[in-house]
């Protein structure tokens, strides 16, 4: 199936180590199950999920040290094409421990190496060099030293290259990306808490979220704005309309990577030139498929296909 090129960017990747213990309690040696190890970080997860759904992407990843080398090896095993950007230090790790008795999940995430201004400039240039004509997905946290305005600076750097920028971030970085005008950002994605923080007030109902997203589009912040409302589904606003995708009612095993899988599904559909409602439906199917898999495993193609066939996407009228 024809697909536009996709480039994902991960500045702060992590080697995800996942295990479980009978109980997670203080001041005791916790005997854990054999760990599962996966390459992680927002953009990496998007690329992994795109690959799982039969699509292609290139992952631009900042890697350093032995941990970075391990991530590169794991990505090569998945078949994801990698362009490595030298990181200023050892790539971080994250540890997830499932409490088997309480069915709770504990996630311990390290900060990553400190970046300098020169490192930031090198990343911007590497992204610009690799991005021509591609859908460029910037997803995940910034490592220490990377300014909140990185996404805004990248949007400016990509002007005239034919690249289309997709941003999934939070906090001050989200606020600065949303402040970019002239629709330099193609797609801006956030969850409901992030949307409320950006709006400065609660968004309790779907219509509230839809108006907020449509307002961002009208302001020129992006050509499309997606807000995830958890179990209440997902809303997208564009200049052509507003749509809502239902979240499938499925058993939840692990929520790790669900948001990244959602973004992967939407980007893959968008890169294939699908209508917005279908791309949104694929995104919702990918997220629902991911929560059914354990630990840091992402969506499985057969689950996505089944859930996509049963998708419920409706146009909203304000």
Protein backbone atom coordinates (compact mmCIF):
# COMPACT_ATOMS: atom_id res chain seq x y z
CA UNK A 1 0.00 0.00 0.00
CA UNK A 2 1.40 3.40 -1.00
CA UNK A 3 2.62 5.44 1.94
CA UNK A 4 4.37 8.78 2.36
CA UNK A 5 7.71 8.58 4.20
CA UNK A 6 7.57 8.88 7.99
CA UNK A 7 10.42 10.07 10.22
CA UNK A 8 10.09 9.73 13.99
CA UNK A 9 12.34 11.67 16.36
CA UNK A 10 13.27 10.47 19.84
CA UNK A 11 15.59 12.76 21.78
CA UNK A 12 15.27 10.94 25.10
CA UNK A 13 14.95 7.21 24.38
CA UNK A 14 15.01 4.60 27.10
CA UNK A 15 15.78 0.94 27.42
CA UNK A 16 12.50 -0.28 28.92
CA UNK A 17 12.91 -3.07 31.45
CA UNK A 18 9.67 -4.67 32.62
CA UNK A 19 9.15 -7.28 35.32
CA UNK A 20 6.71 -8.24 38.06
CA UNK A 21 6.79 -9.19 41.73
CA UNK A 22 4.27 -10.85 44.05
CA UNK A 23 4.04 -7.59 46.02
CA UNK A 24 5.84 -4.25 45.76
CA UNK A 25 6.71 -3.28 49.35
CA UNK A 26 9.47 -1.17 50.95
CA UNK A 27 12.56 -2.45 52.78
CA UNK A 28 12.50 -5.91 51.27
CA UNK A 29 14.26 -7.81 48.50
CA UNK A 30 11.67 -8.19 45.78
CA UNK A 31 12.04 -11.45 43.84
CA UNK A 32 11.06 -10.56 40.29
CA UNK A 33 10.14 -12.49 37.17
CA UNK A 34 12.56 -12.62 34.22
CA UNK A 35 12.58 -9.15 32.69
CA UNK A 36 11.34 -8.16 29.25
CA UNK A 37 13.53 -5.58 27.50
CA UNK A 38 12.29 -3.25 24.75
CA UNK A 39 13.54 -0.11 23.03
CA UNK A 40 11.40 2.76 24.30
CA UNK A 41 10.67 6.46 24.03
CA UNK A 42 7.85 8.24 22.23
CA UNK A 43 9.16 8.28 18.67
CA UNK A 44 10.65 4.80 18.95
CA UNK A 45 7.31 3.42 20.10
CA UNK A 46 5.56 5.14 17.19
CA UNK A 47 7.99 3.52 14.75
CA UNK A 48 7.61 0.11 16.42
CA UNK A 49 3.82 0.30 16.23
CA UNK A 50 3.87 1.47 12.61
CA UNK A 51 6.06 -1.53 11.81
CA UNK A 52 3.68 -3.87 13.66
CA UNK A 53 0.82 -2.58 11.49
CA UNK A 54 2.69 -3.20 8.25
CA UNK A 55 3.93 0.35 7.67
CA UNK A 56 7.39 1.83 7.29
CA UNK A 57 9.23 4.61 9.07
CA UNK A 58 12.72 5.77 9.90
CA UNK A 59 13.58 6.44 13.53
CA UNK A 60 16.01 9.27 14.25
CA UNK A 61 17.21 8.45 17.77
CA UNK A 62 19.75 10.06 20.10
CA UNK A 63 21.84 7.14 21.38
CA UNK A 64 24.84 6.95 23.68
CA UNK A 65 26.90 4.34 25.49
CA UNK A 66 26.22 0.66 25.95
CA UNK A 67 22.53 1.24 26.62
CA UNK A 68 22.20 3.17 23.37
CA UNK A 69 23.94 0.34 21.51
CA UNK A 70 21.51 -2.15 23.03
CA UNK A 71 18.54 -0.04 21.86
CA UNK A 72 19.99 0.10 18.33
CA UNK A 73 20.33 -3.70 18.31
CA UNK A 74 16.77 -4.21 19.52
CA UNK A 75 15.41 -1.81 16.89
CA UNK A 76 17.33 -3.62 14.18
CA UNK A 77 15.63 -6.86 15.29
CA UNK A 78 12.21 -5.26 14.77
CA UNK A 79 13.08 -4.15 11.25
CA UNK A 80 12.78 -0.42 12.00
CA UNK A 81 15.26 1.67 10.02
CA UNK A 82 17.41 3.74 12.40
CA UNK A 83 19.39 6.95 11.96
CA UNK A 84 21.52 7.43 15.05
CA UNK A 85 22.18 10.85 16.52
CA UNK A 86 25.09 10.84 19.01
CA UNK A 87 23.81 11.57 22.52
CA UNK A 88 25.95 13.52 25.01
CA UNK A 89 25.97 10.65 27.51
CA UNK A 90 24.68 7.21 28.37
CA UNK A 91 21.13 6.55 27.18
CA UNK A 92 18.73 6.22 30.10
CA UNK A 93 16.76 3.22 31.30
CA UNK A 94 13.24 2.91 32.66
CA UNK A 95 11.93 0.16 34.90
CA UNK A 96 8.32 -1.00 35.16
CA UNK A 97 7.30 -3.38 37.94
CA UNK A 98 3.85 -4.96 38.09
CA UNK A 99 2.47 -5.79 41.54
CA UNK A 100 0.82 -9.18 40.94
CA UNK A 101 -1.30 -9.09 44.09
CA UNK A 102 -2.76 -5.60 43.70
CA UNK A 103 -2.59 -5.52 39.90
CA UNK A 104 -0.89 -2.16 40.05
CA UNK A 105 1.96 -0.92 37.93
CA UNK A 106 4.97 1.06 39.16
CA UNK A 107 7.09 2.94 36.61
CA UNK A 108 10.54 4.32 37.38
CA UNK A 109 11.89 6.62 34.65
CA UNK A 110 15.46 7.99 34.63
CA UNK A 111 16.17 11.54 33.38
CA UNK A 112 18.64 10.94 30.55
CA UNK A 113 21.94 12.74 29.82
CA UNK A 114 22.41 16.52 29.96
CA UNK A 115 22.34 18.27 26.57
CA UNK A 116 24.24 21.39 25.57
CA UNK A 117 23.23 24.08 23.10
CA UNK A 118 25.51 22.47 20.52
CA UNK A 119 23.75 19.12 21.01
CA UNK A 120 20.38 20.79 20.43
CA UNK A 121 21.60 22.44 17.24
CA UNK A 122 23.02 19.13 16.00
CA UNK A 123 19.65 17.45 16.58
CA UNK A 124 17.78 20.19 14.73
CA UNK A 125 20.15 19.90 11.78
CA UNK A 126 19.98 16.10 11.72
CA UNK A 127 16.19 16.25 11.72
CA UNK A 128 16.15 18.80 8.91
CA UNK A 129 18.59 16.72 6.86
CA UNK A 130 16.43 13.59 7.20
CA UNK A 131 12.98 15.17 6.95
CA UNK A 132 12.53 16.32 3.36
CA UNK A 133 9.05 15.37 2.15
CA UNK A 134 8.29 13.26 5.22
CA UNK A 135 5.72 13.22 7.97
CA UNK A 136 7.96 14.08 10.91
CA UNK A 137 6.78 12.82 14.29
CA UNK A 138 8.30 14.48 17.35
CA UNK A 139 7.11 12.52 20.36
CA UNK A 140 8.28 12.00 23.92
CA UNK A 141 9.98 13.99 26.63
CA UNK A 142 12.91 16.33 26.18
CA UNK A 143 16.16 15.31 27.87
CA UNK A 144 17.72 17.69 30.40
CA UNK A 145 19.12 20.79 28.69
CA UNK A 146 16.79 20.68 25.67
CA UNK A 147 14.63 23.82 25.75
CA UNK A 148 10.84 23.65 25.81
CA UNK A 149 10.84 25.50 22.51
CA UNK A 150 12.52 22.66 20.60
CA UNK A 151 9.34 21.69 18.74
CA UNK A 152 8.70 25.31 17.78
CA UNK A 153 12.28 25.67 16.55
CA UNK A 154 11.97 22.44 14.56
CA UNK A 155 8.75 23.68 12.95
CA UNK A 156 10.60 26.78 11.82
CA UNK A 157 13.61 24.78 10.60
CA UNK A 158 11.41 22.51 8.47
CA UNK A 159 9.70 25.34 6.61
CA UNK A 160 10.07 24.94 2.86
CA UNK A 161 11.36 21.36 3.07
CA UNK A 162 8.05 19.69 2.19
CA UNK A 163 8.04 18.05 5.62
CA UNK A 164 4.89 17.99 7.77
CA UNK A 165 5.44 18.09 11.52
CA UNK A 166 3.43 16.04 14.02
CA UNK A 167 3.97 17.01 17.67
CA UNK A 168 2.98 15.00 20.75
CA UNK A 169 4.33 16.69 23.86
CA UNK A 170 3.21 18.26 27.13
CA UNK A 171 3.68 21.12 29.58
CA UNK A 172 5.61 24.19 28.49
CA UNK A 173 6.77 22.44 25.32
CA UNK A 174 3.13 21.92 24.32
CA UNK A 175 2.26 25.54 25.08
CA UNK A 176 5.13 26.78 22.94
CA UNK A 177 4.27 24.42 20.08
CA UNK A 178 0.63 25.56 20.19
CA UNK A 179 1.78 29.17 20.02
CA UNK A 180 3.40 28.61 16.62
CA UNK A 181 1.17 30.28 14.04
CA UNK A 182 0.65 29.92 10.28
CA UNK A 183 -0.04 26.20 10.72
CA UNK A 184 3.63 25.27 10.67
CA UNK A 185 2.62 22.25 12.75
CA UNK A 186 0.57 19.74 10.77
CA UNK A 187 -0.87 17.76 13.70
CA UNK A 188 -0.81 18.58 17.40
CA UNK A 189 -1.79 15.80 19.82
CA UNK A 190 -2.38 15.89 23.57
CA UNK A 191 -4.37 14.10 26.26
CA UNK A 192 -7.30 15.60 28.15
CA UNK A 193 -5.24 16.74 31.14
CA UNK A 194 -2.75 18.47 28.85
CA UNK A 195 -5.61 20.10 26.94
CA UNK A 196 -7.13 21.40 30.17
CA UNK A 197 -3.77 22.79 31.22
CA UNK A 198 -3.39 24.55 27.88
CA UNK A 199 -6.97 25.82 27.96
CA UNK A 200 -6.66 27.00 31.56
CA UNK A 201 -9.97 25.45 32.59
CA UNK A 202 -11.72 22.06 32.75
CA UNK A 203 -13.06 20.39 29.59
CA UNK A 204 -15.56 17.97 31.13
CA UNK A 205 -17.64 17.18 28.05
CA UNK A 206 -16.83 16.10 24.52
CA UNK A 207 -18.27 19.33 23.17
CA UNK A 208 -15.91 21.32 25.40
CA UNK A 209 -12.93 19.42 24.06
CA UNK A 210 -14.17 19.77 20.49
CA UNK A 211 -14.54 23.55 20.82
CA UNK A 212 -11.10 23.84 22.35
CA UNK A 213 -9.47 21.77 19.59
CA UNK A 214 -11.34 23.66 16.88
CA UNK A 215 -10.20 26.92 18.44
CA UNK A 216 -6.57 25.87 18.20
CA UNK A 217 -7.04 25.00 14.54
CA UNK A 218 -8.72 28.37 13.89
CA UNK A 219 -5.83 30.15 15.62
CA UNK A 220 -3.35 28.59 13.20
CA UNK A 221 -1.65 26.41 15.83
CA UNK A 222 -1.97 23.32 13.61
CA UNK A 223 -3.89 21.96 10.67
CA UNK A 224 -5.36 19.29 12.93
CA UNK A 225 -5.59 18.96 16.71
CA UNK A 226 -6.19 15.63 18.45
CA UNK A 227 -7.23 15.33 22.09
CA UNK A 228 -7.35 11.94 23.80
CA UNK A 229 -10.12 11.66 26.39
CA UNK A 230 -9.18 8.25 27.78
CA UNK A 231 -12.12 5.87 27.96
CA UNK A 232 -14.31 8.54 26.39
CA UNK A 233 -12.42 8.17 23.13
CA UNK A 234 -10.56 10.66 20.97
CA UNK A 235 -11.50 13.88 19.21
CA UNK A 236 -9.88 15.47 16.17
CA UNK A 237 -10.59 18.94 14.80
CA UNK A 238 -9.51 20.08 11.34
CA UNK A 239 -10.51 22.91 9.05
CA UNK A 240 -12.99 20.52 7.42
CA UNK A 241 -14.75 19.18 10.50
CA UNK A 242 -14.61 17.51 13.91
CA UNK A 243 -14.79 13.75 14.56
CA UNK A 244 -14.96 11.51 17.61
CA UNK A 245 -13.69 7.93 17.78
CA UNK A 246 -15.04 5.59 20.44
CA UNK A 247 -12.56 3.73 22.61
CA UNK A 248 -13.12 -0.01 22.31
CA UNK A 249 -14.13 -1.78 25.52
CA UNK A 250 -11.28 -4.24 25.92
CA UNK A 251 -9.51 -5.83 28.91
CA UNK A 252 -6.60 -3.68 30.04
CA UNK A 253 -3.34 -5.52 30.68
CA UNK A 254 -0.88 -2.61 30.39
CA UNK A 255 -1.37 0.99 29.29
CA UNK A 256 2.30 1.47 28.45
CA UNK A 257 2.69 2.72 24.88
CA UNK A 258 -1.04 3.13 24.19
CA UNK A 259 -0.75 6.83 23.37
CA UNK A 260 2.25 6.23 21.12
CA UNK A 261 0.38 3.44 19.34
CA UNK A 262 -2.58 5.77 18.84
CA UNK A 263 -0.28 8.31 17.22
CA UNK A 264 1.29 5.57 15.10
CA UNK A 265 -2.11 4.47 13.81
CA UNK A 266 -3.15 7.99 12.91
CA UNK A 267 0.16 8.84 11.25
CA UNK A 268 0.11 5.60 9.25
CA UNK A 269 -3.42 6.24 8.00
CA UNK A 270 -2.56 9.87 7.25
CA UNK A 271 0.61 8.84 5.40
CA UNK A 272 -1.49 6.48 3.29
CA UNK A 273 -3.78 9.33 2.32
CA UNK A 274 -6.82 7.97 4.17
CA UNK A 275 -9.76 10.19 5.06
CA UNK A 276 -9.43 11.73 8.53
CA UNK A 277 -12.20 9.57 10.10
CA UNK A 278 -10.51 6.36 8.91
CA UNK A 279 -7.08 7.48 10.15
CA UNK A 280 -8.67 8.33 13.50
CA UNK A 281 -10.33 4.91 13.58
CA UNK A 282 -7.02 3.18 12.93
CA UNK A 283 -5.45 5.22 15.72
CA UNK A 284 -8.15 4.21 18.20
CA UNK A 285 -7.82 0.56 17.15
CA UNK A 286 -4.04 0.63 17.65
CA UNK A 287 -4.36 2.13 21.13
CA UNK A 288 -7.02 -0.38 22.18
CA UNK A 289 -4.92 -3.24 20.80
CA UNK A 290 -1.90 -2.08 22.78
CA UNK A 291 -3.59 -2.01 26.19
CA UNK A 292 -4.37 -5.71 25.71
CA UNK A 293 -0.67 -6.65 25.50
CA UNK A 294 1.63 -7.12 28.49
CA UNK A 295 4.43 -4.89 29.69
CA UNK A 296 6.01 -2.73 26.97
CA UNK A 297 4.78 -4.84 24.08
CA UNK A 298 2.78 -2.74 21.64
CA UNK A 299 -0.12 -3.54 19.32
CA UNK A 300 -0.47 -6.76 17.35
CA UNK A 301 -1.56 -6.54 13.72
CA UNK A 302 -4.41 -9.03 14.03
CA UNK A 303 -5.89 -7.15 17.01
CA UNK A 304 -5.66 -3.81 15.21
CA UNK A 305 -7.35 -5.26 12.14
CA UNK A 306 -10.22 -6.69 14.20
CA UNK A 307 -10.76 -3.51 16.21
CA UNK A 308 -10.50 -1.30 13.13
CA UNK A 309 -13.23 -3.33 11.42
CA UNK A 310 -15.49 -2.58 14.41
CA UNK A 311 -14.52 1.11 14.72
CA UNK A 312 -17.11 3.72 15.65
CA UNK A 313 -16.20 7.18 14.35
CA UNK A 314 -18.81 9.93 14.13
CA UNK A 315 -18.77 13.53 12.98
CA UNK A 316 -19.52 16.12 15.66
CA UNK A 317 -21.62 19.24 15.18
CA UNK A 318 -21.13 22.18 17.51
